[in-house]
């Protein structure tokens, strides 16, 4: 609607350079495949089974990514009175599953890596059904507009479905060739960084120097507030579930970090460029601010939280591979090798016995 919609469509005209536009589509598609392959390579089948038996990670992924984040995106779009084009871009980003950035950041804040990977993987699989549903539910506020009637839910499902193949391949590589899987995980994380930088440059080139003028200040405000609120919601959610502090940090990052490659791919591959225009930049802006804010999270943790981390994992992660067997009362220990005395928790002393030769 209105003059805003016209200027956005005008910005989309810069996508007329077909070779550059097609190149961008290929880049987005490849980046998504590499990212999903890396995600699959990070999944341990044993851990997957364990999480499915006690599916807290699955439940948190469901609540964080498909209840909290879409609702947050919807409320922000309403509060800032966005037009339908901007609202759909923001909703799409809010309805996306978790992104790989959270896995990298979880390592840096000494989080629970298995929980992080399970949440990212399960939210990606759940997205196949829940993302189109969330989009349909929340976009109904703008239902009378032409754009929302064109909302390509089928194409969204198709793009999500195409991510299952590289995830499955990654899981297979992890099972058969663990060392190759470790290498692929590292490659996918680096490709994430390179892709985002390249997308910024290419999109900026395509939309021209007046790119900033095409994006309303309210959209910038949402790109700053949405990941921040997501991190806070995730931490609150994990606190409600009485999770230990290192798991709370993990859930916080998992909730705020969105799969911006998927969001970009859906915007690029399913919407006509003249409709979406400069709103194609929203997931990239979100990526910029979610990375900066997660970086700040890591910095604050490194400066203030190290001691508390050591306390919350003490007794929880130590000695997990050691099993103890108590002597029965009637059993007598052989003292010919020395006497064993335990003075305090986790401290064992062996005193040699003097034997006459």
Protein backbone atom coordinates (compact mmCIF):
# COMPACT_ATOMS: atom_id res chain seq x y z
CA UNK A 1 0.00 0.00 0.00
CA UNK A 2 0.46 3.66 -0.55
CA UNK A 3 3.58 5.53 -1.45
CA UNK A 4 5.68 3.20 0.70
CA UNK A 5 4.68 0.20 -1.39
CA UNK A 6 5.51 2.13 -4.56
CA UNK A 7 8.99 3.02 -3.38
CA UNK A 8 9.61 -0.57 -2.33
CA UNK A 9 8.51 -1.86 -5.68
CA UNK A 10 10.74 0.71 -7.29
CA UNK A 11 13.64 -0.63 -5.22
CA UNK A 12 12.79 -4.09 -6.51
CA UNK A 13 13.28 -2.87 -10.06
CA UNK A 14 17.00 -2.98 -9.43
CA UNK A 15 16.62 -6.76 -9.49
CA UNK A 16 16.16 -6.39 -13.25
CA UNK A 17 19.80 -7.36 -13.81
CA UNK A 18 18.89 -10.98 -14.53
CA UNK A 19 22.39 -12.49 -14.50
CA UNK A 20 23.14 -10.96 -11.09
CA UNK A 21 19.72 -11.98 -9.80
CA UNK A 22 20.19 -15.58 -11.00
CA UNK A 23 23.70 -15.64 -9.53
CA UNK A 24 22.24 -14.56 -6.21
CA UNK A 25 19.60 -17.32 -6.36
CA UNK A 26 22.32 -19.93 -6.98
CA UNK A 27 24.45 -18.55 -4.12
CA UNK A 28 21.49 -18.58 -1.71
CA UNK A 29 20.56 -22.15 -2.71
CA UNK A 30 24.15 -23.44 -2.37
CA UNK A 31 24.63 -21.69 0.99
CA UNK A 32 21.44 -23.29 2.29
CA UNK A 33 22.59 -26.77 1.15
CA UNK A 34 26.06 -26.42 2.74
CA UNK A 35 24.54 -25.10 5.98
CA UNK A 36 22.03 -27.95 6.20
CA UNK A 37 24.72 -30.54 5.36
CA UNK A 38 26.81 -29.11 8.22
CA UNK A 39 23.82 -29.30 10.55
CA UNK A 40 23.27 -32.97 9.66
CA UNK A 41 26.98 -33.70 10.21
CA UNK A 42 26.72 -32.30 13.74
CA UNK A 43 23.92 -34.70 14.75
CA UNK A 44 25.04 -37.76 16.75
CA UNK A 45 22.53 -40.60 16.35
CA UNK A 46 23.08 -41.79 19.94
CA UNK A 47 22.41 -38.32 21.32
CA UNK A 48 19.39 -37.99 19.03
CA UNK A 49 17.88 -41.15 20.50
CA UNK A 50 18.58 -39.94 24.04
CA UNK A 51 16.91 -36.58 23.35
CA UNK A 52 13.88 -38.29 21.78
CA UNK A 53 13.43 -40.42 24.92
CA UNK A 54 13.40 -37.24 27.05
CA UNK A 55 12.31 -34.63 24.49
CA UNK A 56 12.90 -31.40 26.46
CA UNK A 57 15.01 -30.00 23.59
CA UNK A 58 12.25 -30.82 21.10
CA UNK A 59 9.62 -29.14 23.28
CA UNK A 60 11.76 -26.02 23.78
CA UNK A 61 12.45 -25.80 20.03
CA UNK A 62 8.70 -26.03 19.39
CA UNK A 63 7.82 -23.35 21.97
CA UNK A 64 10.72 -21.02 21.14
CA UNK A 65 10.66 -21.13 17.35
CA UNK A 66 6.97 -21.66 16.56
CA UNK A 67 5.17 -19.98 19.48
CA UNK A 68 7.41 -17.25 20.93
CA UNK A 69 9.23 -15.97 17.81
CA UNK A 70 6.26 -15.80 15.35
CA UNK A 71 4.16 -14.07 18.04
CA UNK A 72 7.02 -11.64 18.72
CA UNK A 73 7.39 -10.86 14.98
CA UNK A 74 3.62 -10.33 14.68
CA UNK A 75 3.49 -7.97 17.70
CA UNK A 76 6.49 -5.94 16.48
CA UNK A 77 4.94 -5.62 13.00
CA UNK A 78 1.72 -4.34 14.64
CA UNK A 79 3.44 -1.97 17.11
CA UNK A 80 5.54 -0.38 14.34
CA UNK A 81 2.52 -0.31 11.96
CA UNK A 82 4.42 -1.92 9.07
CA UNK A 83 2.96 -2.07 5.59
CA UNK A 84 2.13 -5.52 4.19
CA UNK A 85 5.47 -5.97 2.36
CA UNK A 86 7.60 -5.27 5.42
CA UNK A 87 5.21 -7.23 7.69
CA UNK A 88 5.51 -10.38 5.54
CA UNK A 89 9.34 -10.15 5.53
CA UNK A 90 9.39 -9.76 9.34
CA UNK A 91 6.83 -12.57 9.85
CA UNK A 92 8.78 -14.87 7.53
CA UNK A 93 11.94 -14.28 9.56
CA UNK A 94 10.05 -14.84 12.83
CA UNK A 95 8.54 -18.12 11.59
CA UNK A 96 11.90 -19.53 10.44
CA UNK A 97 13.56 -22.38 12.36
CA UNK A 98 16.76 -21.92 14.38
CA UNK A 99 20.01 -21.09 12.61
CA UNK A 100 23.54 -22.53 12.78
CA UNK A 101 24.93 -19.36 14.35
CA UNK A 102 23.46 -20.56 17.67
CA UNK A 103 25.59 -23.75 17.52
CA UNK A 104 28.77 -21.70 17.13
CA UNK A 105 27.78 -19.22 19.86
CA UNK A 106 26.79 -22.05 22.26
CA UNK A 107 30.39 -23.31 22.12
CA UNK A 108 31.65 -19.82 23.02
CA UNK A 109 29.40 -19.52 26.10
CA UNK A 110 30.18 -23.10 27.29
CA UNK A 111 26.62 -24.16 26.52
CA UNK A 112 25.17 -27.65 26.03
CA UNK A 113 26.27 -28.47 22.47
CA UNK A 114 24.05 -31.55 22.12
CA UNK A 115 20.99 -29.58 23.22
CA UNK A 116 21.89 -26.80 20.75
CA UNK A 117 22.20 -29.18 17.79
CA UNK A 118 19.05 -31.13 18.70
CA UNK A 119 17.05 -27.88 18.98
CA UNK A 120 18.34 -26.57 15.61
CA UNK A 121 17.72 -29.89 13.84
CA UNK A 122 14.27 -30.51 15.36
CA UNK A 123 13.08 -26.94 14.68
CA UNK A 124 14.18 -27.35 11.03
CA UNK A 125 12.14 -30.56 10.71
CA UNK A 126 9.13 -29.08 12.56
CA UNK A 127 9.29 -26.05 10.23
CA UNK A 128 8.16 -28.25 7.35
CA UNK A 129 4.64 -28.22 8.82
CA UNK A 130 4.61 -25.37 11.33
CA UNK A 131 6.22 -22.57 9.31
CA UNK A 132 3.47 -22.41 6.63
CA UNK A 133 0.86 -22.75 9.42
CA UNK A 134 2.35 -19.83 11.43
CA UNK A 135 2.61 -17.69 8.29
CA UNK A 136 -1.01 -18.40 7.41
CA UNK A 137 -2.25 -17.64 10.96
CA UNK A 138 -0.31 -14.42 11.52
CA UNK A 139 -0.51 -12.96 8.01
CA UNK A 140 -4.32 -12.93 8.24
CA UNK A 141 -4.13 -9.47 9.80
CA UNK A 142 -3.01 -8.24 6.36
CA UNK A 143 -5.22 -10.76 4.48
CA UNK A 144 -7.02 -8.18 2.31
CA UNK A 145 -3.80 -7.14 0.61
CA UNK A 146 -2.72 -8.57 -2.72
CA UNK A 147 0.68 -9.63 -1.36
CA UNK A 148 -0.66 -11.91 1.37
CA UNK A 149 -3.10 -13.55 -1.04
CA UNK A 150 -0.03 -14.39 -3.13
CA UNK A 151 1.81 -15.81 -0.10
CA UNK A 152 3.34 -18.95 -1.65
CA UNK A 153 2.82 -21.45 1.17
CA UNK A 154 3.36 -24.37 -1.24
CA UNK A 155 6.71 -22.96 -2.37
CA UNK A 156 7.68 -22.36 1.28
CA UNK A 157 7.01 -26.05 2.05
CA UNK A 158 8.94 -27.09 -1.07
CA UNK A 159 11.99 -25.01 -0.08
CA UNK A 160 11.84 -26.50 3.44
CA UNK A 161 11.48 -30.01 2.02
CA UNK A 162 14.58 -29.54 -0.12
CA UNK A 163 16.63 -29.01 3.08
CA UNK A 164 15.85 -32.54 4.33
CA UNK A 165 18.16 -34.20 1.76
CA UNK A 166 21.40 -32.44 2.82
CA UNK A 167 20.47 -32.91 6.53
CA UNK A 168 19.95 -36.66 5.94
CA UNK A 169 23.20 -36.89 3.97
CA UNK A 170 25.02 -35.11 6.83
CA UNK A 171 23.65 -37.57 9.42
CA UNK A 172 24.84 -40.47 7.20
CA UNK A 173 28.34 -38.95 6.84
CA UNK A 174 28.55 -38.51 10.65
CA UNK A 175 27.57 -42.17 11.11
CA UNK A 176 30.01 -43.55 8.50
CA UNK A 177 32.89 -41.01 8.51
CA UNK A 178 32.99 -39.01 11.78
CA UNK A 179 36.26 -37.19 10.94
CA UNK A 180 34.95 -36.01 7.56
CA UNK A 181 31.77 -34.86 9.36
CA UNK A 182 33.81 -32.73 11.81
CA UNK A 183 35.54 -31.04 8.87
CA UNK A 184 32.22 -30.39 7.10
CA UNK A 185 30.77 -28.78 10.26
CA UNK A 186 33.69 -26.31 10.30
CA UNK A 187 33.32 -25.62 6.55
CA UNK A 188 29.57 -24.95 6.95
CA UNK A 189 30.18 -22.44 9.77
CA UNK A 190 32.78 -20.54 7.71
CA UNK A 191 30.51 -20.62 4.65
CA UNK A 192 27.78 -19.05 6.80
CA UNK A 193 30.02 -16.04 7.47
CA UNK A 194 31.23 -15.73 3.85
CA UNK A 195 27.66 -16.06 2.48
CA UNK A 196 26.25 -13.32 4.70
CA UNK A 197 29.03 -10.88 3.72
CA UNK A 198 28.60 -11.74 0.00
CA UNK A 199 24.80 -11.36 0.20
CA UNK A 200 25.18 -7.93 1.80
CA UNK A 201 27.53 -6.77 -0.98
CA UNK A 202 25.52 -8.28 -3.89
CA UNK A 203 22.15 -7.09 -2.61
CA UNK A 204 23.54 -3.63 -1.98
CA UNK A 205 24.86 -3.57 -5.58
CA UNK A 206 21.52 -4.71 -7.01
CA UNK A 207 19.38 -2.26 -5.06
CA UNK A 208 21.64 0.70 -5.76
CA UNK A 209 23.17 3.40 -3.57
CA UNK A 210 19.84 4.68 -2.26
CA UNK A 211 19.21 1.33 -0.55
CA UNK A 212 19.00 2.88 2.93
CA UNK A 213 16.22 5.23 1.80
CA UNK A 214 14.08 2.24 0.72
CA UNK A 215 14.12 0.67 4.19
CA UNK A 216 11.96 2.46 6.80
CA UNK A 217 13.50 3.25 10.22
CA UNK A 218 10.86 1.02 11.84
CA UNK A 219 12.31 -2.01 9.99
CA UNK A 220 15.79 -1.23 11.35
CA UNK A 221 14.28 -0.94 14.85
CA UNK A 222 12.65 -4.38 14.50
CA UNK A 223 15.91 -5.92 13.21
CA UNK A 224 17.59 -4.67 16.42
CA UNK A 225 14.80 -5.54 18.89
CA UNK A 226 13.66 -8.93 17.57
CA UNK A 227 16.83 -11.01 18.21
CA UNK A 228 17.35 -9.27 21.57
CA UNK A 229 13.79 -10.09 22.68
CA UNK A 230 14.25 -13.64 21.32
CA UNK A 231 17.34 -14.20 23.48
CA UNK A 232 15.46 -12.90 26.56
CA UNK A 233 12.39 -15.09 25.82
CA UNK A 234 14.58 -18.17 25.37
CA UNK A 235 16.35 -17.60 28.69
CA UNK A 236 13.00 -17.11 30.42
CA UNK A 237 11.61 -20.29 28.83
CA UNK A 238 14.60 -22.38 30.01
CA UNK A 239 14.27 -20.88 33.52
CA UNK A 240 10.60 -21.96 33.64
CA UNK A 241 11.77 -25.51 32.77
CA UNK A 242 14.29 -25.27 35.69
CA UNK A 243 17.26 -25.96 33.42
CA UNK A 244 20.86 -25.46 34.65
CA UNK A 245 22.54 -22.14 33.69
CA UNK A 246 24.64 -23.56 30.82
CA UNK A 247 21.44 -24.97 29.24
CA UNK A 248 19.65 -21.64 29.74
CA UNK A 249 22.36 -19.87 27.76
CA UNK A 250 21.97 -22.47 24.99
CA UNK A 251 18.17 -22.15 24.79
CA UNK A 252 18.48 -18.36 24.82
CA UNK A 253 20.77 -18.39 21.76
CA UNK A 254 18.69 -21.06 20.02
CA UNK A 255 15.52 -18.98 20.35
CA UNK A 256 16.95 -15.65 19.15
CA UNK A 257 19.07 -17.00 16.26
CA UNK A 258 17.01 -17.55 13.11
CA UNK A 259 17.95 -19.43 9.93
CA UNK A 260 18.43 -16.32 7.79
CA UNK A 261 19.71 -18.34 4.82
CA UNK A 262 16.35 -20.12 4.69
CA UNK A 263 14.44 -16.85 5.05
CA UNK A 264 16.52 -15.25 2.27
CA UNK A 265 16.05 -18.31 0.04
CA UNK A 266 12.26 -18.22 0.50
CA UNK A 267 12.07 -14.47 -0.22
CA UNK A 268 14.36 -14.83 -3.24
CA UNK A 269 12.95 -18.03 -4.73
CA UNK A 270 9.22 -17.67 -4.07
CA UNK A 271 8.32 -13.96 -4.28
CA UNK A 272 8.39 -11.79 -7.41
CA UNK A 273 11.24 -9.24 -6.89
CA UNK A 274 9.03 -6.29 -7.86
CA UNK A 275 6.74 -7.16 -4.93
CA UNK A 276 9.27 -7.81 -2.19
CA UNK A 277 11.72 -5.05 -3.22
CA UNK A 278 14.15 -3.84 -0.60
CA UNK A 279 12.47 -5.94 2.11
CA UNK A 280 14.70 -8.70 0.76
CA UNK A 281 17.29 -6.97 2.98
CA UNK A 282 15.39 -7.66 6.23
CA UNK A 283 16.80 -11.17 6.91
CA UNK A 284 20.29 -9.79 6.20
CA UNK A 285 19.74 -6.93 8.66
CA UNK A 286 18.41 -9.46 11.16
CA UNK A 287 21.53 -11.60 10.61
CA UNK A 288 23.75 -8.58 11.24
CA UNK A 289 22.06 -7.65 14.52
CA UNK A 290 21.55 -11.23 15.78
CA UNK A 291 25.31 -11.80 15.28
CA UNK A 292 26.29 -8.50 16.94
CA UNK A 293 23.99 -9.09 19.92
CA UNK A 294 25.09 -12.73 20.31
CA UNK A 295 28.70 -11.47 20.17
CA UNK A 296 27.88 -9.05 22.99
CA UNK A 297 26.27 -11.95 24.93
CA UNK A 298 29.54 -13.94 24.54
CA UNK A 299 31.66 -10.93 25.57
CA UNK A 300 29.62 -10.30 28.75
CA UNK A 301 29.78 -14.02 29.59
CA UNK A 302 33.57 -14.20 29.07
CA UNK A 303 34.06 -11.15 31.30
CA UNK A 304 31.56 -11.93 34.07
CA UNK A 305 30.23 -15.47 33.84
CA UNK A 306 33.21 -17.85 33.82
CA UNK A 307 33.22 -18.51 37.59
CA UNK A 308 29.49 -19.16 37.73
CA UNK A 309 29.86 -21.58 34.79
CA UNK A 310 32.44 -23.61 36.72
CA UNK A 311 30.08 -23.77 39.70
CA UNK A 312 27.04 -24.85 37.71
CA UNK A 313 28.82 -27.68 35.91
CA UNK A 314 30.76 -28.95 38.95
CA UNK A 315 29.34 -32.28 39.99
CA UNK A 316 27.10 -32.25 36.90
CA UNK A 317 29.59 -32.92 34.14
CA UNK A 318 32.57 -34.27 36.12
CA UNK A 319 33.03 -37.97 36.88
CA UNK A 320 30.26 -38.90 34.42
CA UNK A 321 32.39 -41.67 32.93
CA UNK A 322 33.41 -43.22 36.28
CA UNK A 323 31.26 -45.81 38.01
CA UNK A 324 31.78 -46.63 41.67
CA UNK A 325 31.25 -49.97 43.41
CA UNK A 326 30.90 -50.01 47.19
CA UNK A 327 32.33 -52.95 49.09
CA UNK A 328 29.73 -55.05 50.84
CA UNK A 329 30.06 -55.22 54.60
CA UNK A 330 31.13 -58.87 54.58
CA UNK A 331 33.80 -58.25 51.90
CA UNK A 332 37.26 -57.54 53.24
CA UNK A 333 39.68 -55.47 51.16
CA UNK A 334 43.10 -56.99 50.55
CA UNK A 335 45.53 -54.69 52.41
CA UNK A 336 48.70 -56.30 51.10
CA UNK A 337 48.87 -53.64 48.37
CA UNK A 338 48.20 -50.73 50.74
CA UNK A 339 45.23 -49.17 52.47
CA UNK A 340 42.86 -46.88 50.66
CA UNK A 341 41.44 -43.96 52.61
CA UNK A 342 38.99 -41.39 51.32
CA UNK A 343 39.42 -38.05 53.05
CA UNK A 344 36.99 -35.88 51.11
CA UNK A 345 34.72 -35.95 48.04
CA UNK A 346 36.58 -36.93 44.86
CA UNK A 347 39.91 -37.34 46.73
CA UNK A 348 41.46 -40.79 47.16
CA UNK A 349 44.80 -41.52 48.88
CA UNK A 350 46.73 -44.78 48.75
CA UNK A 351 49.15 -45.46 51.60
CA UNK A 352 51.73 -48.21 50.90
CA UNK A 353 51.91 -51.00 53.51
CA UNK A 354 55.34 -52.00 54.81
CA UNK A 355 55.83 -55.72 54.11
CA UNK A 356 58.65 -57.78 55.56
CA UNK A 357 60.81 -59.40 52.90
